Amino acid sequence: MTPTAPVKIDGKCGILEWLSWQVGELHIAKEFDMRSDSRARAAFTLIELLVVVAIIALLVAILTSSIAHAKASAWRVRCAANQKQLMTAVLIYVNDYRDTMPMPNWASQDPALGWLYQGPIRPKKFEPWHRETGSIWRYLTEAGVYHCPKHDPPHEKSAKVTSYLMNGAIAGYGRERWSFQVPKFRVEALVFWEAEETGWNDGSSYPTEGLTKRHGKGATVVGIDGHTEWMTHDQYLQEMQKPIAGKLWCNPGTSDGR
């Protein structure tokens, strides 16, 4: 309670009352200052906390994005390595068979021995072990290489055996009895790519059967010289729509590569 200020100082009693009033005023002022300072400190601490929380949230968002990007890049690298190994096995086969490419497992050419399996196999009867009957298995016996790390099960049809398809141009899209020799192909010809997710049932493909979307905006493709390259879906579409022979339409038996 605030002391009442004495109106008149009269003797010792008046002085004591006046001193008492002054002390009371100082106590109230000090108490008020302490409360104000305490509120200020509390408010400042809350602001600090909010800033720290915002910074942590920002760092988490950045870190999460970076981890996702790094993981996607790692999948791409591993997938490219898989296809590189497949093409290396094919080239070893080519060296053993007088520059002739292995048969692409074009369904209508069965029962010819293909790169991926010995046909004929009905689409719903494929099993992972069928890759062990293919012509390049003796050069590449690591089963995991035949599948993209992002190609999660369950798999259907020949996707049980591989994620990658050979360009049907290797044997004229089913119109040739045997595969062509490597020197017959254009230098930019593409041999392997990771196929569209569904709809195929053998070991080879037309370019029109599509490119996977597992890796986002594009996928790895493999050239006949053994090199790998990243091709976006737009680039793939442009190449596929060309009316002349090119990377995808590379059948040596026709003028337009089809």
C-alpha atoms as a PDB file:
ATOM      1  CA  MET A   1       0.000   0.000   0.000  1.00  0.00           C
ATOM      2  CA  THR A   2       1.377   3.427  -0.958  1.00  0.00           C
ATOM      3  CA  PRO A   3       2.187   5.638   2.108  1.00  0.00           C
ATOM      4  CA  THR A   4       0.369   8.969   2.278  1.00  0.00           C
ATOM      5  CA  ALA A   5       2.736  11.894   1.797  1.00  0.00           C
ATOM      6  CA  PRO A   6       2.847  14.149   4.883  1.00  0.00           C
ATOM      7  CA  VAL A   7       1.603  17.614   4.201  1.00  0.00           C
ATOM      8  CA  LYS A   8       3.720  19.254   6.814  1.00  0.00           C
ATOM      9  CA  ILE A   9       7.015  18.311   8.459  1.00  0.00           C
ATOM     10  CA  ASP A  10       6.742  19.135  12.161  1.00  0.00           C
ATOM     11  CA  GLY A  11       9.562  17.989  14.416  1.00  0.00           C
ATOM     12  CA  LYS A  12      10.997  14.509  14.627  1.00  0.00           C
ATOM     13  CA  CYS A  13       7.639  12.842  14.083  1.00  0.00           C
ATOM     14  CA  GLY A  14       7.111  14.731  10.854  1.00  0.00           C
ATOM     15  CA  ILE A  15      10.572  13.894   9.554  1.00  0.00           C
ATOM     16  CA  LEU A  16      10.096  10.202  10.335  1.00  0.00           C
ATOM     17  CA  GLU A  17       6.787  10.172   8.509  1.00  0.00           C
ATOM     18  CA  TRP A  18       8.374  11.901   5.535  1.00  0.00           C
ATOM     19  CA  LEU A  19      11.293   9.428   5.447  1.00  0.00           C
ATOM     20  CA  SER A  20       8.844   6.547   5.709  1.00  0.00           C
ATOM     21  CA  TRP A  21       6.928   7.922   2.753  1.00  0.00           C
ATOM     22  CA  GLN A  22      10.139   8.273   0.660  1.00  0.00           C
ATOM     23  CA  VAL A  23      11.239   4.732   1.433  1.00  0.00           C
ATOM     24  CA  GLY A  24       7.814   3.457   0.429  1.00  0.00           C
ATOM     25  CA  GLU A  25       7.975   5.321  -2.852  1.00  0.00           C
ATOM     26  CA  LEU A  26      11.437   3.924  -3.608  1.00  0.00           C
ATOM     27  CA  HIS A  27      10.285   0.392  -2.800  1.00  0.00           C
ATOM     28  CA  ILE A  28       7.282   0.691  -5.135  1.00  0.00           C
ATOM     29  CA  ALA A  29       9.421   2.142  -7.916  1.00  0.00           C
ATOM     30  CA  LYS A  30      11.990  -0.624  -7.539  1.00  0.00           C
ATOM     31  CA  GLU A  31       9.290  -3.286  -7.534  1.00  0.00           C
ATOM     32  CA  PHE A  32       7.726  -1.789 -10.667  1.00  0.00           C
ATOM     33  CA  ASP A  33      11.111  -1.658 -12.405  1.00  0.00           C
ATOM     34  CA  MET A  34      11.815  -5.292 -11.508  1.00  0.00           C
ATOM     35  CA  ARG A  35       8.455  -6.403 -12.847  1.00  0.00           C
ATOM     36  CA  SER A  36       8.942  -4.450 -16.065  1.00  0.00           C
ATOM     37  CA  ASP A  37      12.444  -5.836 -16.496  1.00  0.00           C
ATOM     38  CA  SER A  38      11.181  -9.361 -15.848  1.00  0.00           C
ATOM     39  CA  ARG A  39       8.455  -8.944 -18.483  1.00  0.00           C
ATOM     40  CA  ALA A  40      10.982  -7.568 -20.932  1.00  0.00           C
ATOM     41  CA  ARG A  41      13.323 -10.463 -20.336  1.00  0.00           C
ATOM     42  CA  ALA A  42      10.471 -12.962 -20.761  1.00  0.00           C
ATOM     43  CA  ALA A  43       9.364 -11.332 -24.023  1.00  0.00           C
ATOM     44  CA  PHE A  44      12.921 -11.310 -25.361  1.00  0.00           C
ATOM     45  CA  THR A  45      13.347 -14.989 -24.489  1.00  0.00           C
ATOM     46  CA  LEU A  46      10.140 -15.867 -26.364  1.00  0.00           C
ATOM     47  CA  ILE A  47      11.358 -14.027 -29.462  1.00  0.00           C
ATOM     48  CA  GLU A  48      14.666 -15.832 -29.249  1.00  0.00           C
ATOM     49  CA  LEU A  49      12.845 -19.150 -29.006  1.00  0.00           C
ATOM     50  CA  LEU A  50      10.716 -18.388 -32.055  1.00  0.00           C
ATOM     51  CA  VAL A  51      13.785 -17.408 -34.065  1.00  0.00           C
ATOM     52  CA  VAL A  52      15.594 -20.602 -33.066  1.00  0.00           C
ATOM     53  CA  VAL A  53      12.554 -22.724 -33.981  1.00  0.00           C
ATOM     54  CA  ALA A  54      12.315 -20.999 -37.379  1.00  0.00           C
ATOM     55  CA  ILE A  55      16.012 -21.554 -38.061  1.00  0.00           C
ATOM     56  CA  ILE A  56      15.771 -25.226 -37.088  1.00  0.00           C
ATOM     57  CA  ALA A  57      12.722 -25.696 -39.334  1.00  0.00           C
ATOM     58  CA  LEU A  58      14.580 -24.083 -42.235  1.00  0.00           C
ATOM     59  CA  LEU A  59      17.649 -26.256 -41.686  1.00  0.00           C
ATOM     60  CA  VAL A  60      15.515 -29.403 -41.516  1.00  0.00           C
ATOM     61  CA  ALA A  61      13.799 -28.475 -44.791  1.00  0.00           C
ATOM     62  CA  ILE A  62      17.139 -27.835 -46.496  1.00  0.00           C
ATOM     63  CA  LEU A  63      18.645 -31.031 -45.097  1.00  0.00           C
ATOM     64  CA  THR A  64      15.643 -33.142 -46.116  1.00  0.00           C
ATOM     65  CA  SER A  65      15.779 -31.766 -49.655  1.00  0.00           C
ATOM     66  CA  SER A  66      19.528 -32.374 -49.846  1.00  0.00           C
ATOM     67  CA  ILE A  67      19.183 -35.954 -48.608  1.00  0.00           C
ATOM     68  CA  ALA A  68      16.399 -36.679 -51.119  1.00  0.00           C
ATOM     69  CA  HIS A  69      18.489 -35.197 -53.931  1.00  0.00           C
ATOM     70  CA  ALA A  70      21.562 -37.182 -52.888  1.00  0.00           C
ATOM     71  CA  LYS A  71      19.525 -40.384 -52.710  1.00  0.00           C
ATOM     72  CA  ALA A  72      18.041 -39.808 -56.167  1.00  0.00           C
ATOM     73  CA  SER A  73      21.517 -39.106 -57.556  1.00  0.00           C
ATOM     74  CA  ALA A  74      22.830 -42.310 -55.983  1.00  0.00           C
ATOM     75  CA  TRP A  75      20.028 -44.318 -57.623  1.00  0.00           C
ATOM     76  CA  ARG A  76      20.825 -42.752 -60.984  1.00  0.00           C
ATOM     77  CA  VAL A  77      24.519 -43.565 -60.644  1.00  0.00           C
ATOM     78  CA  ARG A  78      23.815 -47.147 -59.649  1.00  0.00           C
ATOM     79  CA  CYS A  79      21.295 -47.592 -62.467  1.00  0.00           C
ATOM     80  CA  ALA A  80      23.798 -46.223 -64.991  1.00  0.00           C
ATOM     81  CA  ALA A  81      26.426 -48.617 -63.608  1.00  0.00           C
ATOM     82  CA  ASN A  82      24.017 -51.532 -64.076  1.00  0.00           C
ATOM     83  CA  GLN A  83      23.465 -50.695 -67.730  1.00  0.00           C
ATOM     84  CA  LYS A  84      27.170 -50.105 -68.263  1.00  0.00           C
ATOM     85  CA  GLN A  85      27.866 -53.623 -66.980  1.00  0.00           C
ATOM     86  CA  LEU A  86      25.134 -55.103 -69.168  1.00  0.00           C
ATOM     87  CA  MET A  87      26.605 -53.438 -72.237  1.00  0.00           C
ATOM     88  CA  THR A  88      30.109 -54.556 -71.276  1.00  0.00           C
ATOM     89  CA  ALA A  89      28.844 -58.151 -71.139  1.00  0.00           C
ATOM     90  CA  VAL A  90      27.213 -57.663 -74.551  1.00  0.00           C
ATOM     91  CA  LEU A  91      30.464 -56.370 -76.036  1.00  0.00           C
ATOM     92  CA  ILE A  92      32.358 -59.364 -74.661  1.00  0.00           C
ATOM     93  CA  TYR A  93      29.758 -61.556 -76.357  1.00  0.00           C
ATOM     94  CA  VAL A  94      30.240 -59.550 -79.563  1.00  0.00           C
ATOM     95  CA  ASN A  95      33.971 -60.156 -79.389  1.00  0.00           C
ATOM     96  CA  ASP A  96      33.381 -63.903 -79.037  1.00  0.00           C
ATOM     97  CA  TYR A  97      30.865 -64.038 -81.910  1.00  0.00           C
ATOM     98  CA  ARG A  98      32.571 -62.167 -84.728  1.00  0.00           C
ATOM     99  CA  ASP A  99      31.096 -58.746 -84.013  1.00  0.00           C
ATOM    100  CA  THR A 100      27.518 -60.064 -83.998  1.00  0.00           C
ATOM    101  CA  MET A 101      25.116 -58.697 -81.387  1.00  0.00           C
ATOM    102  CA  PRO A 102      23.142 -61.156 -79.245  1.00  0.00           C
ATOM    103  CA  MET A 103      19.534 -61.664 -80.196  1.00  0.00           C
ATOM    104  CA  PRO A 104      17.292 -59.119 -78.442  1.00  0.00           C
ATOM    105  CA  ASN A 105      14.527 -61.512 -77.266  1.00  0.00           C
ATOM    106  CA  TRP A 106      11.986 -60.041 -79.630  1.00  0.00           C
ATOM    107  CA  ALA A 107       8.978 -62.269 -78.902  1.00  0.00           C
ATOM    108  CA  SER A 108       8.194 -63.159 -82.528  1.00  0.00           C
ATOM    109  CA  GLN A 109      11.781 -64.408 -83.010  1.00  0.00           C
ATOM    110  CA  ASP A 110      11.560 -67.047 -80.297  1.00  0.00           C
ATOM    111  CA  PRO A 111      12.789 -69.732 -79.753  1.00  0.00           C
ATOM    112  CA  ALA A 112      16.079 -68.048 -80.642  1.00  0.00           C
ATOM    113  CA  LEU A 113      18.459 -67.673 -77.685  1.00  0.00           C
ATOM    114  CA  GLY A 114      18.360 -64.011 -76.633  1.00  0.00           C
ATOM    115  CA  TRP A 115      20.514 -61.795 -74.476  1.00  0.00           C
ATOM    116  CA  LEU A 116      18.116 -62.127 -71.541  1.00  0.00           C
ATOM    117  CA  TYR A 117      16.636 -65.646 -71.718  1.00  0.00           C
ATOM    118  CA  GLN A 118      16.056 -68.736 -73.805  1.00  0.00           C
ATOM    119  CA  GLY A 119      12.588 -68.565 -75.312  1.00  0.00           C
ATOM    120  CA  PRO A 120       9.832 -69.194 -75.798  1.00  0.00           C
ATOM    121  CA  ILE A 121       8.326 -68.158 -72.468  1.00  0.00           C
ATOM    122  CA  ARG A 122       4.706 -67.141 -72.081  1.00  0.00           C
ATOM    123  CA  PRO A 123       4.386 -63.623 -70.572  1.00  0.00           C
ATOM    124  CA  LYS A 124       2.812 -64.769 -67.326  1.00  0.00           C
ATOM    125  CA  LYS A 125       5.344 -67.562 -66.836  1.00  0.00           C
ATOM    126  CA  PHE A 126       8.475 -65.454 -66.414  1.00  0.00           C
ATOM    127  CA  GLU A 127      10.596 -66.040 -63.314  1.00  0.00           C
ATOM    128  CA  PRO A 128      13.797 -64.269 -62.151  1.00  0.00           C
ATOM    129  CA  TRP A 129      15.928 -67.364 -62.796  1.00  0.00           C
ATOM    130  CA  HIS A 130      15.142 -67.193 -66.523  1.00  0.00           C
ATOM    131  CA  ARG A 131      17.934 -64.619 -66.881  1.00  0.00           C
ATOM    132  CA  GLU A 132      20.356 -67.454 -66.185  1.00  0.00           C
ATOM    133  CA  THR A 133      19.377 -68.995 -69.537  1.00  0.00           C
ATOM    134  CA  GLY A 134      20.303 -65.827 -71.484  1.00  0.00           C
ATOM    135  CA  SER A 135      23.312 -65.522 -73.772  1.00  0.00           C
ATOM    136  CA  ILE A 136      25.140 -62.912 -71.656  1.00  0.00           C
ATOM    137  CA  TRP A 137      24.597 -64.567 -68.258  1.00  0.00           C
ATOM    138  CA  ARG A 138      27.930 -66.350 -68.441  1.00  0.00           C
ATOM    139  CA  TYR A 139      29.598 -62.931 -68.738  1.00  0.00           C
ATOM    140  CA  LEU A 140      27.500 -61.242 -66.043  1.00  0.00           C
ATOM    141  CA  THR A 141      26.182 -63.477 -63.265  1.00  0.00           C
ATOM    142  CA  GLU A 142      25.271 -60.814 -60.691  1.00  0.00           C
ATOM    143  CA  ALA A 143      21.474 -60.900 -60.593  1.00  0.00           C
ATOM    144  CA  GLY A 144      21.099 -57.464 -58.990  1.00  0.00           C
ATOM    145  CA  VAL A 145      22.620 -55.749 -62.016  1.00  0.00           C
ATOM    146  CA  TYR A 146      19.618 -56.726 -64.135  1.00  0.00           C
ATOM    147  CA  HIS A 147      17.255 -54.545 -62.099  1.00  0.00           C
ATOM    148  CA  CYS A 148      17.120 -50.829 -61.390  1.00  0.00           C
ATOM    149  CA  PRO A 149      17.446 -50.127 -57.637  1.00  0.00           C
ATOM    150  CA  LYS A 150      14.225 -48.104 -57.845  1.00  0.00           C
ATOM    151  CA  HIS A 151      12.270 -50.817 -59.624  1.00  0.00           C
ATOM    152  CA  ASP A 152      10.433 -52.137 -56.599  1.00  0.00           C
ATOM    153  CA  PRO A 153       8.489 -55.430 -56.596  1.00  0.00           C
ATOM    154  CA  PRO A 154       6.038 -56.872 -57.264  1.00  0.00           C
ATOM    155  CA  HIS A 155       7.197 -57.348 -60.859  1.00  0.00           C
ATOM    156  CA  GLU A 156       5.097 -58.670 -63.714  1.00  0.00           C
ATOM    157  CA  LYS A 157       5.919 -60.544 -66.928  1.00  0.00           C
ATOM    158  CA  SER A 158       9.524 -60.094 -68.072  1.00  0.00           C
ATOM    159  CA  ALA A 159       9.998 -57.288 -65.531  1.00  0.00           C
ATOM    160  CA  LYS A 160      10.633 -60.173 -63.141  1.00  0.00           C
ATOM    161  CA  VAL A 161      13.837 -60.763 -65.100  1.00  0.00           C
ATOM    162  CA  THR A 162      15.045 -57.215 -65.804  1.00  0.00           C
ATOM    163  CA  SER A 163      14.275 -53.489 -65.713  1.00  0.00           C
ATOM    164  CA  TYR A 164      16.147 -52.880 -68.963  1.00  0.00           C
ATOM    165  CA  LEU A 165      15.199 -53.649 -72.540  1.00  0.00           C
ATOM    166  CA  MET A 166      17.333 -53.976 -75.637  1.00  0.00           C
ATOM    167  CA  ASN A 167      16.506 -51.916 -78.703  1.00  0.00           C
ATOM    168  CA  GLY A 168      14.588 -54.143 -81.107  1.00  0.00           C
ATOM    169  CA  ALA A 169      16.582 -52.561 -83.935  1.00  0.00           C
ATOM    170  CA  ILE A 170      19.353 -55.042 -83.068  1.00  0.00           C
ATOM    171  CA  ALA A 171      17.446 -57.628 -85.133  1.00  0.00           C
ATOM    172  CA  GLY A 172      15.333 -55.354 -87.326  1.00  0.00           C
ATOM    173  CA  TYR A 173      12.349 -55.190 -84.960  1.00  0.00           C
ATOM    174  CA  GLY A 174      11.546 -58.845 -85.609  1.00  0.00           C
ATOM    175  CA  ARG A 175      12.058 -58.769 -89.359  1.00  0.00           C
ATOM    176  CA  GLU A 176      15.541 -60.307 -89.415  1.00  0.00           C
ATOM    177  CA  ARG A 177      16.539 -63.878 -88.794  1.00  0.00           C
ATOM    178  CA  TRP A 178      19.690 -62.895 -86.886  1.00  0.00           C
ATOM    179  CA  SER A 179      21.083 -59.863 -85.146  1.00  0.00           C
ATOM    180  CA  PHE A 180      23.250 -57.409 -87.055  1.00  0.00           C
ATOM    181  CA  GLN A 181      26.968 -57.033 -86.604  1.00  0.00           C
ATOM    182  CA  VAL A 182      28.119 -54.002 -84.618  1.00  0.00           C
ATOM    183  CA  PRO A 183      29.848 -52.244 -87.602  1.00  0.00           C
ATOM    184  CA  LYS A 184      26.465 -52.103 -89.351  1.00  0.00           C
ATOM    185  CA  PHE A 185      25.059 -49.679 -86.766  1.00  0.00           C
ATOM    186  CA  ARG A 186      25.258 -45.916 -86.638  1.00  0.00           C
ATOM    187  CA  VAL A 187      27.847 -44.753 -84.095  1.00  0.00           C
ATOM    188  CA  GLU A 188      25.166 -43.000 -82.019  1.00  0.00           C
ATOM    189  CA  ALA A 189      22.822 -46.021 -81.926  1.00  0.00           C
ATOM    190  CA  LEU A 190      21.310 -46.756 -78.500  1.00  0.00           C
ATOM    191  CA  VAL A 191      21.139 -50.373 -77.343  1.00  0.00           C
ATOM    192  CA  PHE A 192      19.658 -50.346 -73.825  1.00  0.00           C
ATOM    193  CA  TRP A 193      17.299 -48.141 -71.871  1.00  0.00           C
ATOM    194  CA  GLU A 194      15.131 -48.538 -68.805  1.00  0.00           C
ATOM    195  CA  ALA A 195      11.694 -49.285 -70.098  1.00  0.00           C
ATOM    196  CA  GLU A 196       8.309 -47.831 -69.289  1.00  0.00           C
ATOM    197  CA  GLU A 197       6.892 -49.306 -66.086  1.00  0.00           C
ATOM    198  CA  THR A 198       4.262 -51.630 -67.576  1.00  0.00           C
ATOM    199  CA  GLY A 199       3.154 -53.214 -70.813  1.00  0.00           C
ATOM    200  CA  TRP A 200       6.180 -55.147 -72.076  1.00  0.00           C
ATOM    201  CA  ASN A 201       6.526 -58.905 -72.096  1.00  0.00           C
ATOM    202  CA  ASP A 202       9.905 -59.838 -73.581  1.00  0.00           C
ATOM    203  CA  GLY A 203      13.505 -58.605 -73.630  1.00  0.00           C
ATOM    204  CA  SER A 204      13.387 -55.895 -76.294  1.00  0.00           C
ATOM    205  CA  SER A 205      11.379 -52.877 -77.286  1.00  0.00           C
ATOM    206  CA  TYR A 206      10.313 -50.380 -79.918  1.00  0.00           C
ATOM    207  CA  PRO A 207      11.338 -46.826 -79.007  1.00  0.00           C
ATOM    208  CA  THR A 208       7.616 -46.016 -78.905  1.00  0.00           C
ATOM    209  CA  GLU A 209       7.219 -48.269 -75.875  1.00  0.00           C
ATOM    210  CA  GLY A 210       8.654 -45.494 -73.756  1.00  0.00           C
ATOM    211  CA  LEU A 211      11.248 -44.534 -71.186  1.00  0.00           C
ATOM    212  CA  THR A 212      10.852 -45.048 -67.444  1.00  0.00           C
ATOM    213  CA  LYS A 213       9.711 -42.235 -65.153  1.00  0.00           C
ATOM    214  CA  ARG A 214      11.281 -43.736 -62.026  1.00  0.00           C
ATOM    215  CA  HIS A 215      14.140 -41.272 -62.097  1.00  0.00           C
ATOM    216  CA  GLY A 216      12.079 -38.135 -62.616  1.00  0.00           C
ATOM    217  CA  LYS A 217      12.752 -36.076 -65.732  1.00  0.00           C
ATOM    218  CA  GLY A 218      14.756 -38.689 -67.608  1.00  0.00           C
ATOM    219  CA  ALA A 219      16.763 -41.908 -67.463  1.00  0.00           C
ATOM    220  CA  THR A 220      20.068 -43.461 -68.477  1.00  0.00           C
ATOM    221  CA  VAL A 221      20.489 -44.964 -71.951  1.00  0.00           C
ATOM    222  CA  VAL A 222      23.424 -46.955 -73.349  1.00  0.00           C
ATOM    223  CA  GLY A 223      25.131 -46.592 -76.720  1.00  0.00           C
ATOM    224  CA  ILE A 224      26.464 -49.355 -78.923  1.00  0.00           C
ATOM    225  CA  ASP A 225      29.999 -48.232 -78.140  1.00  0.00           C
ATOM    226  CA  GLY A 226      29.369 -48.883 -74.435  1.00  0.00           C
ATOM    227  CA  HIS A 227      28.924 -45.298 -73.266  1.00  0.00           C
ATOM    228  CA  THR A 228      26.047 -44.241 -70.985  1.00  0.00           C
ATOM    229  CA  GLU A 229      24.235 -40.932 -71.133  1.00  0.00           C
ATOM    230  CA  TRP A 230      21.360 -39.202 -69.379  1.00  0.00           C
ATOM    231  CA  MET A 231      18.393 -38.535 -71.656  1.00  0.00           C
ATOM    232  CA  THR A 232      15.433 -36.428 -70.590  1.00  0.00           C
ATOM    233  CA  HIS A 233      11.909 -37.427 -71.575  1.00  0.00           C
ATOM    234  CA  ASP A 234      11.736 -34.432 -73.889  1.00  0.00           C
ATOM    235  CA  GLN A 235      14.955 -35.479 -75.625  1.00  0.00           C
ATOM    236  CA  TYR A 236      13.700 -39.048 -75.895  1.00  0.00           C
ATOM    237  CA  LEU A 237      10.413 -37.863 -77.416  1.00  0.00           C
ATOM    238  CA  GLN A 238      12.197 -35.622 -79.927  1.00  0.00           C
ATOM    239  CA  GLU A 239      14.489 -38.471 -80.944  1.00  0.00           C
ATOM    240  CA  MET A 240      11.602 -40.909 -81.205  1.00  0.00           C
ATOM    241  CA  GLN A 241       9.625 -38.550 -83.467  1.00  0.00           C
ATOM    242  CA  LYS A 242      12.433 -38.071 -85.973  1.00  0.00           C
ATOM    243  CA  PRO A 243      11.409 -39.304 -89.440  1.00  0.00           C
ATOM    244  CA  ILE A 244      14.972 -40.373 -90.197  1.00  0.00           C
ATOM    245  CA  ALA A 245      17.405 -42.836 -88.689  1.00  0.00           C
ATOM    246  CA  GLY A 246      18.989 -41.696 -85.437  1.00  0.00           C
ATOM    247  CA  LYS A 247      19.815 -42.817 -81.916  1.00  0.00           C
ATOM    248  CA  LEU A 248      16.614 -44.760 -81.280  1.00  0.00           C
ATOM    249  CA  TRP A 249      15.487 -45.726 -84.773  1.00  0.00           C
ATOM    250  CA  CYS A 250      18.752 -47.382 -85.797  1.00  0.00           C
ATOM    251  CA  ASN A 251      17.773 -50.523 -87.705  1.00  0.00           C
ATOM    252  CA  PRO A 252      20.646 -51.030 -90.175  1.00  0.00           C
ATOM    253  CA  GLY A 253      18.292 -52.900 -92.534  1.00  0.00           C
ATOM    254  CA  THR A 254      16.205 -49.831 -93.460  1.00  0.00           C
ATOM    255  CA  SER A 255      16.942 -46.305 -94.668  1.00  0.00           C
ATOM    256  CA  ASP A 256      14.893 -44.629 -91.941  1.00  0.00           C
ATOM    257  CA  GLY A 257      16.079 -46.934 -89.138  1.00  0.00           C
ATOM    258  CA  ARG A 258      12.612 -48.361 -88.546  1.00  0.00           C
END
